Amino acid sequence: MQLIKKRLYWFGIILILFFPLIFIDQPKIILWVNSLRTPFLDFLFIKLSSLGNSFSVLFLLGLVLCWRFKCLSIYVLAFVIQLIFVLLFKQGIYNGSLRPFLYFKSIGELDLLNLIEGVKIRYVNTFPSGHTTSIFFLASYFALILKKNVSTFILAIIALFVGFSRIYLLQHFFIDVYFGILFGTFSSWLAYKIINANKKEWHDYRINIDIRKKNIFSVIKLES
């Protein structure tokens, strides 16, 4: 347990530091972030935001396949858990909840927003931020697996900027992003706990890829 806390230290710091902001008027945070706009930040956050989409999840799954089946099982379970969180709230409990654009339009203050050209604005199902949940599930997962303090810090910072990009691009309120951070990190933590508490012999196997052989893919057992 202590080891998990150490590996997810920076993720915990992020959750603690930004917790008070969920009690601040959310539209005011949107307007403040929107006032920071520059052409460079527009470009930067558009690119960063794309890291939280499903293609990133699929790409990184390919990397996971090169590791032990134990790592793969943690990855898949964490992915399922975070997906349940997103669907439960986004498509269930808070289905139809207004995103920033439609919220400001509904109160007649759409002119306060400075929209970014070329960014497709979403209108509803704002809670939680799916992109943020995905990137924090990925970042916290690799933080747990890589076991490097520097890597953990870098992953947490990158994920945080991806989450911030969702506010900057007017796709989500801060509270949507915050709970995306919480759900994503918790999913990896829970999956890691469950898999490590139920050790199996096949956990020590992995898929071996060797393009020099006729059978490129094979399953091998690694040393414990």
C-alpha atoms as a PDB file:
ATOM      1  CA  MET A   1       0.000   0.000   0.000  1.00  0.00           C
ATOM      2  CA  GLN A   2       2.833   2.364   0.908  1.00  0.00           C
ATOM      3  CA  LEU A   3       4.503   1.595  -2.429  1.00  0.00           C
ATOM      4  CA  ILE A   4       1.345   2.513  -4.349  1.00  0.00           C
ATOM      5  CA  LYS A   5       1.074   5.802  -2.453  1.00  0.00           C
ATOM      6  CA  LYS A   6       4.679   6.622  -3.358  1.00  0.00           C
ATOM      7  CA  ARG A   7       4.174   5.932  -7.064  1.00  0.00           C
ATOM      8  CA  LEU A   8       0.965   7.969  -7.186  1.00  0.00           C
ATOM      9  CA  TYR A   9       2.322  10.744  -4.962  1.00  0.00           C
ATOM     10  CA  TRP A  10       2.092  13.511  -7.568  1.00  0.00           C
ATOM     11  CA  PHE A  11      -1.388  12.466  -8.615  1.00  0.00           C
ATOM     12  CA  GLY A  12      -2.482  12.770  -5.005  1.00  0.00           C
ATOM     13  CA  ILE A  13      -0.864  16.204  -4.748  1.00  0.00           C
ATOM     14  CA  ILE A  14      -2.807  17.373  -7.802  1.00  0.00           C
ATOM     15  CA  LEU A  15      -6.095  16.171  -6.322  1.00  0.00           C
ATOM     16  CA  ILE A  16      -5.394  17.871  -2.990  1.00  0.00           C
ATOM     17  CA  LEU A  17      -4.161  21.176  -4.431  1.00  0.00           C
ATOM     18  CA  PHE A  18      -7.051  21.655  -6.841  1.00  0.00           C
ATOM     19  CA  PHE A  19      -9.822  20.334  -4.599  1.00  0.00           C
ATOM     20  CA  PRO A  20     -10.870  23.816  -3.311  1.00  0.00           C
ATOM     21  CA  LEU A  21     -11.582  24.969  -6.889  1.00  0.00           C
ATOM     22  CA  ILE A  22     -14.616  22.703  -7.189  1.00  0.00           C
ATOM     23  CA  PHE A  23     -16.390  25.053  -4.761  1.00  0.00           C
ATOM     24  CA  ILE A  24     -15.663  28.174  -6.844  1.00  0.00           C
ATOM     25  CA  ASP A  25     -18.220  29.455  -9.342  1.00  0.00           C
ATOM     26  CA  GLN A  26     -17.455  27.287 -12.372  1.00  0.00           C
ATOM     27  CA  PRO A  27     -18.412  29.840 -15.101  1.00  0.00           C
ATOM     28  CA  LYS A  28     -15.958  32.317 -13.555  1.00  0.00           C
ATOM     29  CA  ILE A  29     -13.142  29.791 -13.930  1.00  0.00           C
ATOM     30  CA  ILE A  30     -14.118  29.306 -17.568  1.00  0.00           C
ATOM     31  CA  LEU A  31     -13.994  33.058 -18.214  1.00  0.00           C
ATOM     32  CA  TRP A  32     -10.634  33.418 -16.462  1.00  0.00           C
ATOM     33  CA  VAL A  33      -9.057  30.568 -18.454  1.00  0.00           C
ATOM     34  CA  ASN A  34     -10.633  31.912 -21.650  1.00  0.00           C
ATOM     35  CA  SER A  35      -8.956  35.282 -21.006  1.00  0.00           C
ATOM     36  CA  LEU A  36      -5.526  33.607 -21.214  1.00  0.00           C
ATOM     37  CA  ARG A  37      -5.878  32.807 -24.907  1.00  0.00           C
ATOM     38  CA  THR A  38      -2.948  33.307 -27.271  1.00  0.00           C
ATOM     39  CA  PRO A  39      -2.275  31.755 -30.709  1.00  0.00           C
ATOM     40  CA  PHE A  40       0.527  29.642 -29.242  1.00  0.00           C
ATOM     41  CA  LEU A  41      -1.626  28.308 -26.394  1.00  0.00           C
ATOM     42  CA  ASP A  42      -4.441  27.605 -28.866  1.00  0.00           C
ATOM     43  CA  PHE A  43      -2.080  25.402 -30.885  1.00  0.00           C
ATOM     44  CA  LEU A  44      -0.521  23.786 -27.799  1.00  0.00           C
ATOM     45  CA  PHE A  45      -3.760  22.839 -26.064  1.00  0.00           C
ATOM     46  CA  ILE A  46      -5.431  21.581 -29.233  1.00  0.00           C
ATOM     47  CA  LYS A  47      -2.527  19.146 -29.631  1.00  0.00           C
ATOM     48  CA  LEU A  48      -2.449  18.206 -25.952  1.00  0.00           C
ATOM     49  CA  SER A  49      -6.186  17.587 -25.861  1.00  0.00           C
ATOM     50  CA  SER A  50      -5.826  14.914 -28.544  1.00  0.00           C
ATOM     51  CA  LEU A  51      -3.727  12.824 -26.136  1.00  0.00           C
ATOM     52  CA  GLY A  52      -6.853  12.024 -24.174  1.00  0.00           C
ATOM     53  CA  ASN A  53      -8.818  10.413 -27.001  1.00  0.00           C
ATOM     54  CA  SER A  54      -9.410   6.733 -27.681  1.00  0.00           C
ATOM     55  CA  PHE A  55      -6.584   6.487 -30.225  1.00  0.00           C
ATOM     56  CA  SER A  56      -4.061   7.127 -27.458  1.00  0.00           C
ATOM     57  CA  VAL A  57      -5.565   4.300 -25.421  1.00  0.00           C
ATOM     58  CA  LEU A  58      -5.308   1.881 -28.340  1.00  0.00           C
ATOM     59  CA  PHE A  59      -1.763   2.941 -29.195  1.00  0.00           C
ATOM     60  CA  LEU A  60      -0.519   2.466 -25.667  1.00  0.00           C
ATOM     61  CA  LEU A  61      -2.266  -0.898 -25.482  1.00  0.00           C
ATOM     62  CA  GLY A  62       0.249  -2.048 -28.095  1.00  0.00           C
ATOM     63  CA  LEU A  63       3.086  -1.097 -25.760  1.00  0.00           C
ATOM     64  CA  VAL A  64       1.470  -2.920 -22.860  1.00  0.00           C
ATOM     65  CA  LEU A  65       1.282  -6.123 -24.904  1.00  0.00           C
ATOM     66  CA  CYS A  66       5.082  -6.248 -24.812  1.00  0.00           C
ATOM     67  CA  TRP A  67       5.029  -6.566 -21.031  1.00  0.00           C
ATOM     68  CA  ARG A  68       3.822  -9.277 -18.670  1.00  0.00           C
ATOM     69  CA  PHE A  69       0.236 -10.431 -18.869  1.00  0.00           C
ATOM     70  CA  LYS A  70      -0.036  -9.108 -15.328  1.00  0.00           C
ATOM     71  CA  CYS A  71       0.545  -5.582 -16.631  1.00  0.00           C
ATOM     72  CA  LEU A  72      -1.907  -6.184 -19.457  1.00  0.00           C
ATOM     73  CA  SER A  73      -4.595  -7.415 -17.057  1.00  0.00           C
ATOM     74  CA  ILE A  74      -4.141  -4.321 -14.859  1.00  0.00           C
ATOM     75  CA  TYR A  75      -4.393  -2.119 -17.947  1.00  0.00           C
ATOM     76  CA  VAL A  76      -7.576  -3.762 -19.235  1.00  0.00           C
ATOM     77  CA  LEU A  77      -9.261  -3.781 -15.818  1.00  0.00           C
ATOM     78  CA  ALA A  78      -8.354  -0.115 -15.210  1.00  0.00           C
ATOM     79  CA  PHE A  79      -9.686   0.792 -18.648  1.00  0.00           C
ATOM     80  CA  VAL A  80     -12.999  -0.966 -17.927  1.00  0.00           C
ATOM     81  CA  ILE A  81     -13.341   0.700 -14.514  1.00  0.00           C
ATOM     82  CA  GLN A  82     -12.728   4.216 -15.871  1.00  0.00           C
ATOM     83  CA  LEU A  83     -15.111   3.529 -18.758  1.00  0.00           C
ATOM     84  CA  ILE A  84     -17.830   2.518 -16.296  1.00  0.00           C
ATOM     85  CA  PHE A  85     -17.306   5.772 -14.383  1.00  0.00           C
ATOM     86  CA  VAL A  86     -17.571   7.854 -17.557  1.00  0.00           C
ATOM     87  CA  LEU A  87     -20.654   6.081 -18.905  1.00  0.00           C
ATOM     88  CA  LEU A  88     -22.392   5.993 -15.518  1.00  0.00           C
ATOM     89  CA  PHE A  89     -22.179   9.756 -15.064  1.00  0.00           C
ATOM     90  CA  LYS A  90     -21.963  11.102 -18.615  1.00  0.00           C
ATOM     91  CA  GLN A  91     -24.638   8.900 -20.169  1.00  0.00           C
ATOM     92  CA  GLY A  92     -26.560   8.139 -17.001  1.00  0.00           C
ATOM     93  CA  ILE A  93     -26.754  10.328 -13.890  1.00  0.00           C
ATOM     94  CA  TYR A  94     -25.754  13.596 -15.600  1.00  0.00           C
ATOM     95  CA  ASN A  95     -26.936  12.823 -19.117  1.00  0.00           C
ATOM     96  CA  GLY A  96     -27.775  16.055 -20.949  1.00  0.00           C
ATOM     97  CA  SER A  97     -25.865  18.325 -18.546  1.00  0.00           C
ATOM     98  CA  LEU A  98     -24.778  21.512 -20.315  1.00  0.00           C
ATOM     99  CA  ARG A  99     -21.212  22.113 -21.365  1.00  0.00           C
ATOM    100  CA  PRO A 100     -19.753  25.653 -21.144  1.00  0.00           C
ATOM    101  CA  PHE A 101     -20.812  26.814 -24.609  1.00  0.00           C
ATOM    102  CA  LEU A 102     -24.465  25.855 -24.216  1.00  0.00           C
ATOM    103  CA  TYR A 103     -24.506  27.050 -20.601  1.00  0.00           C
ATOM    104  CA  PHE A 104     -23.402  30.564 -21.544  1.00  0.00           C
ATOM    105  CA  LYS A 105     -25.798  30.536 -24.480  1.00  0.00           C
ATOM    106  CA  SER A 106     -28.682  29.559 -22.187  1.00  0.00           C
ATOM    107  CA  ILE A 107     -28.061  32.563 -19.916  1.00  0.00           C
ATOM    108  CA  GLY A 108     -27.606  34.941 -22.843  1.00  0.00           C
ATOM    109  CA  GLU A 109     -23.899  35.590 -22.263  1.00  0.00           C
ATOM    110  CA  LEU A 110     -22.343  33.708 -25.160  1.00  0.00           C
ATOM    111  CA  ASP A 111     -20.613  36.906 -26.289  1.00  0.00           C
ATOM    112  CA  LEU A 112     -18.351  36.634 -23.222  1.00  0.00           C
ATOM    113  CA  LEU A 113     -16.609  33.615 -24.722  1.00  0.00           C
ATOM    114  CA  ASN A 114     -13.697  33.921 -27.111  1.00  0.00           C
ATOM    115  CA  LEU A 115     -14.051  30.803 -29.270  1.00  0.00           C
ATOM    116  CA  ILE A 116     -11.108  29.052 -30.905  1.00  0.00           C
ATOM    117  CA  GLU A 117     -11.350  28.711 -34.658  1.00  0.00           C
ATOM    118  CA  GLY A 118     -11.421  25.125 -35.905  1.00  0.00           C
ATOM    119  CA  VAL A 119     -12.346  23.554 -32.559  1.00  0.00           C
ATOM    120  CA  LYS A 120     -15.599  21.586 -32.666  1.00  0.00           C
ATOM    121  CA  ILE A 121     -17.612  22.571 -29.622  1.00  0.00           C
ATOM    122  CA  ARG A 122     -19.599  19.935 -27.743  1.00  0.00           C
ATOM    123  CA  TYR A 123     -22.878  20.999 -26.185  1.00  0.00           C
ATOM    124  CA  VAL A 124     -24.033  18.435 -23.587  1.00  0.00           C
ATOM    125  CA  ASN A 125     -22.896  15.559 -21.322  1.00  0.00           C
ATOM    126  CA  THR A 126     -20.219  17.584 -19.611  1.00  0.00           C
ATOM    127  CA  PHE A 127     -19.612  15.492 -16.467  1.00  0.00           C
ATOM    128  CA  PRO A 128     -17.031  14.066 -16.179  1.00  0.00           C
ATOM    129  CA  SER A 129     -14.389  14.953 -18.764  1.00  0.00           C
ATOM    130  CA  GLY A 130     -13.796  11.754 -20.719  1.00  0.00           C
ATOM    131  CA  HIS A 131     -10.485  12.975 -22.140  1.00  0.00           C
ATOM    132  CA  THR A 132      -9.211  13.794 -18.649  1.00  0.00           C
ATOM    133  CA  THR A 133     -10.362  10.468 -17.227  1.00  0.00           C
ATOM    134  CA  SER A 134      -8.599   8.614 -20.047  1.00  0.00           C
ATOM    135  CA  ILE A 135      -5.297  10.488 -19.794  1.00  0.00           C
ATOM    136  CA  PHE A 136      -5.155  10.143 -15.999  1.00  0.00           C
ATOM    137  CA  PHE A 137      -5.983   6.452 -16.216  1.00  0.00           C
ATOM    138  CA  LEU A 138      -3.082   6.079 -18.663  1.00  0.00           C
ATOM    139  CA  ALA A 139      -0.662   8.298 -16.752  1.00  0.00           C
ATOM    140  CA  SER A 140      -1.358   6.745 -13.343  1.00  0.00           C
ATOM    141  CA  TYR A 141      -1.202   3.244 -14.836  1.00  0.00           C
ATOM    142  CA  PHE A 142       2.265   3.825 -16.275  1.00  0.00           C
ATOM    143  CA  ALA A 143       3.333   5.549 -13.058  1.00  0.00           C
ATOM    144  CA  LEU A 144       2.468   2.352 -11.182  1.00  0.00           C
ATOM    145  CA  ILE A 145       4.180   0.088 -13.711  1.00  0.00           C
ATOM    146  CA  LEU A 146       7.338   2.070 -14.500  1.00  0.00           C
ATOM    147  CA  LYS A 147       8.238   2.564 -10.815  1.00  0.00           C
ATOM    148  CA  LYS A 148      10.271   5.718 -11.501  1.00  0.00           C
ATOM    149  CA  ASN A 149       9.753   8.896  -9.463  1.00  0.00           C
ATOM    150  CA  VAL A 150      10.830  11.198 -12.295  1.00  0.00           C
ATOM    151  CA  SER A 151       8.539   9.384 -14.746  1.00  0.00           C
ATOM    152  CA  THR A 152       5.652   9.697 -12.299  1.00  0.00           C
ATOM    153  CA  PHE A 153       6.144  13.463 -12.049  1.00  0.00           C
ATOM    154  CA  ILE A 154       6.394  13.932 -15.828  1.00  0.00           C
ATOM    155  CA  LEU A 155       3.330  11.770 -16.484  1.00  0.00           C
ATOM    156  CA  ALA A 156       1.291  13.661 -13.886  1.00  0.00           C
ATOM    157  CA  ILE A 157       2.249  17.057 -15.344  1.00  0.00           C
ATOM    158  CA  ILE A 158       1.464  16.014 -18.917  1.00  0.00           C
ATOM    159  CA  ALA A 159      -1.895  14.610 -17.828  1.00  0.00           C
ATOM    160  CA  LEU A 160      -2.648  17.803 -15.895  1.00  0.00           C
ATOM    161  CA  PHE A 161      -2.046  19.947 -18.976  1.00  0.00           C
ATOM    162  CA  VAL A 162      -4.301  17.671 -21.020  1.00  0.00           C
ATOM    163  CA  GLY A 163      -7.019  18.155 -18.416  1.00  0.00           C
ATOM    164  CA  PHE A 164      -6.479  21.920 -18.434  1.00  0.00           C
ATOM    165  CA  SER A 165      -6.776  21.895 -22.231  1.00  0.00           C
ATOM    166  CA  ARG A 166     -10.379  20.715 -21.915  1.00  0.00           C
ATOM    167  CA  ILE A 167     -11.216  23.886 -19.976  1.00  0.00           C
ATOM    168  CA  TYR A 168      -9.133  26.082 -22.278  1.00  0.00           C
ATOM    169  CA  LEU A 169     -10.944  24.694 -25.344  1.00  0.00           C
ATOM    170  CA  LEU A 170     -14.329  25.401 -23.693  1.00  0.00           C
ATOM    171  CA  GLN A 171     -15.302  21.743 -23.658  1.00  0.00           C
ATOM    172  CA  HIS A 172     -15.619  21.300 -19.892  1.00  0.00           C
ATOM    173  CA  PHE A 173     -15.975  23.075 -16.568  1.00  0.00           C
ATOM    174  CA  PHE A 174     -13.219  22.660 -13.997  1.00  0.00           C
ATOM    175  CA  ILE A 175     -15.320  20.300 -11.877  1.00  0.00           C
ATOM    176  CA  ASP A 176     -15.681  17.953 -14.866  1.00  0.00           C
ATOM    177  CA  VAL A 177     -11.908  17.865 -15.242  1.00  0.00           C
ATOM    178  CA  TYR A 178     -11.290  17.416 -11.511  1.00  0.00           C
ATOM    179  CA  PHE A 179     -13.480  14.347 -11.291  1.00  0.00           C
ATOM    180  CA  GLY A 180     -11.893  13.072 -14.496  1.00  0.00           C
ATOM    181  CA  ILE A 181      -8.567  13.220 -12.645  1.00  0.00           C
ATOM    182  CA  LEU A 182     -10.090  11.424  -9.668  1.00  0.00           C
ATOM    183  CA  PHE A 183     -11.869   8.709 -11.676  1.00  0.00           C
ATOM    184  CA  GLY A 184      -8.884   8.035 -13.947  1.00  0.00           C
ATOM    185  CA  THR A 185      -6.363   7.779 -11.115  1.00  0.00           C
ATOM    186  CA  PHE A 186      -8.671   5.733  -8.903  1.00  0.00           C
ATOM    187  CA  SER A 187      -9.324   3.270 -11.753  1.00  0.00           C
ATOM    188  CA  SER A 188      -5.637   2.425 -12.137  1.00  0.00           C
ATOM    189  CA  TRP A 189      -5.128   2.274  -8.379  1.00  0.00           C
ATOM    190  CA  LEU A 190      -8.068  -0.093  -7.899  1.00  0.00           C
ATOM    191  CA  ALA A 191      -7.095  -2.327 -10.829  1.00  0.00           C
ATOM    192  CA  TYR A 192      -3.510  -2.527  -9.541  1.00  0.00           C
ATOM    193  CA  LYS A 193      -4.752  -3.528  -6.095  1.00  0.00           C
ATOM    194  CA  ILE A 194      -7.158  -6.177  -7.409  1.00  0.00           C
ATOM    195  CA  ILE A 195      -4.699  -7.863  -9.771  1.00  0.00           C
ATOM    196  CA  ASN A 196      -1.847  -7.883  -7.254  1.00  0.00           C
ATOM    197  CA  ALA A 197      -4.153  -9.382  -4.629  1.00  0.00           C
ATOM    198  CA  ASN A 198      -5.059 -12.232  -6.994  1.00  0.00           C
ATOM    199  CA  LYS A 199      -1.751 -13.514  -8.364  1.00  0.00           C
ATOM    200  CA  LYS A 200      -1.930 -16.076 -11.168  1.00  0.00           C
ATOM    201  CA  GLU A 201       0.740 -18.194 -12.839  1.00  0.00           C
ATOM    202  CA  TRP A 202      -0.032 -16.662 -16.233  1.00  0.00           C
ATOM    203  CA  HIS A 203       0.874 -13.223 -14.902  1.00  0.00           C
ATOM    204  CA  ASP A 204       4.545 -14.029 -15.654  1.00  0.00           C
ATOM    205  CA  TYR A 205       3.910 -14.621 -19.354  1.00  0.00           C
ATOM    206  CA  ARG A 206       4.017 -12.045 -22.112  1.00  0.00           C
ATOM    207  CA  ILE A 207       3.648 -11.788 -25.880  1.00  0.00           C
ATOM    208  CA  ASN A 208       7.011 -11.937 -27.632  1.00  0.00           C
ATOM    209  CA  ILE A 209       7.351 -10.168 -30.980  1.00  0.00           C
ATOM    210  CA  ASP A 210      10.193 -11.266 -33.271  1.00  0.00           C
ATOM    211  CA  ILE A 211       9.897 -10.268 -36.931  1.00  0.00           C
ATOM    212  CA  ARG A 212      12.846 -12.524 -37.831  1.00  0.00           C
ATOM    213  CA  LYS A 213      10.832 -15.651 -37.157  1.00  0.00           C
ATOM    214  CA  LYS A 214       8.061 -17.218 -39.195  1.00  0.00           C
ATOM    215  CA  ASN A 215       5.757 -17.053 -36.205  1.00  0.00           C
ATOM    216  CA  ILE A 216       6.203 -13.398 -35.298  1.00  0.00           C
ATOM    217  CA  PHE A 217       4.036 -13.578 -32.171  1.00  0.00           C
ATOM    218  CA  SER A 218       4.705 -16.093 -29.412  1.00  0.00           C
ATOM    219  CA  VAL A 219       4.011 -16.376 -25.688  1.00  0.00           C
ATOM    220  CA  ILE A 220       6.996 -16.691 -23.384  1.00  0.00           C
ATOM    221  CA  LYS A 221       7.439 -16.904 -19.613  1.00  0.00           C
ATOM    222  CA  LEU A 222       9.642 -14.293 -17.998  1.00  0.00           C
ATOM    223  CA  GLU A 223      11.851 -14.651 -14.975  1.00  0.00           C
ATOM    224  CA  SER A 224      10.124 -13.539 -11.771  1.00  0.00           C
END
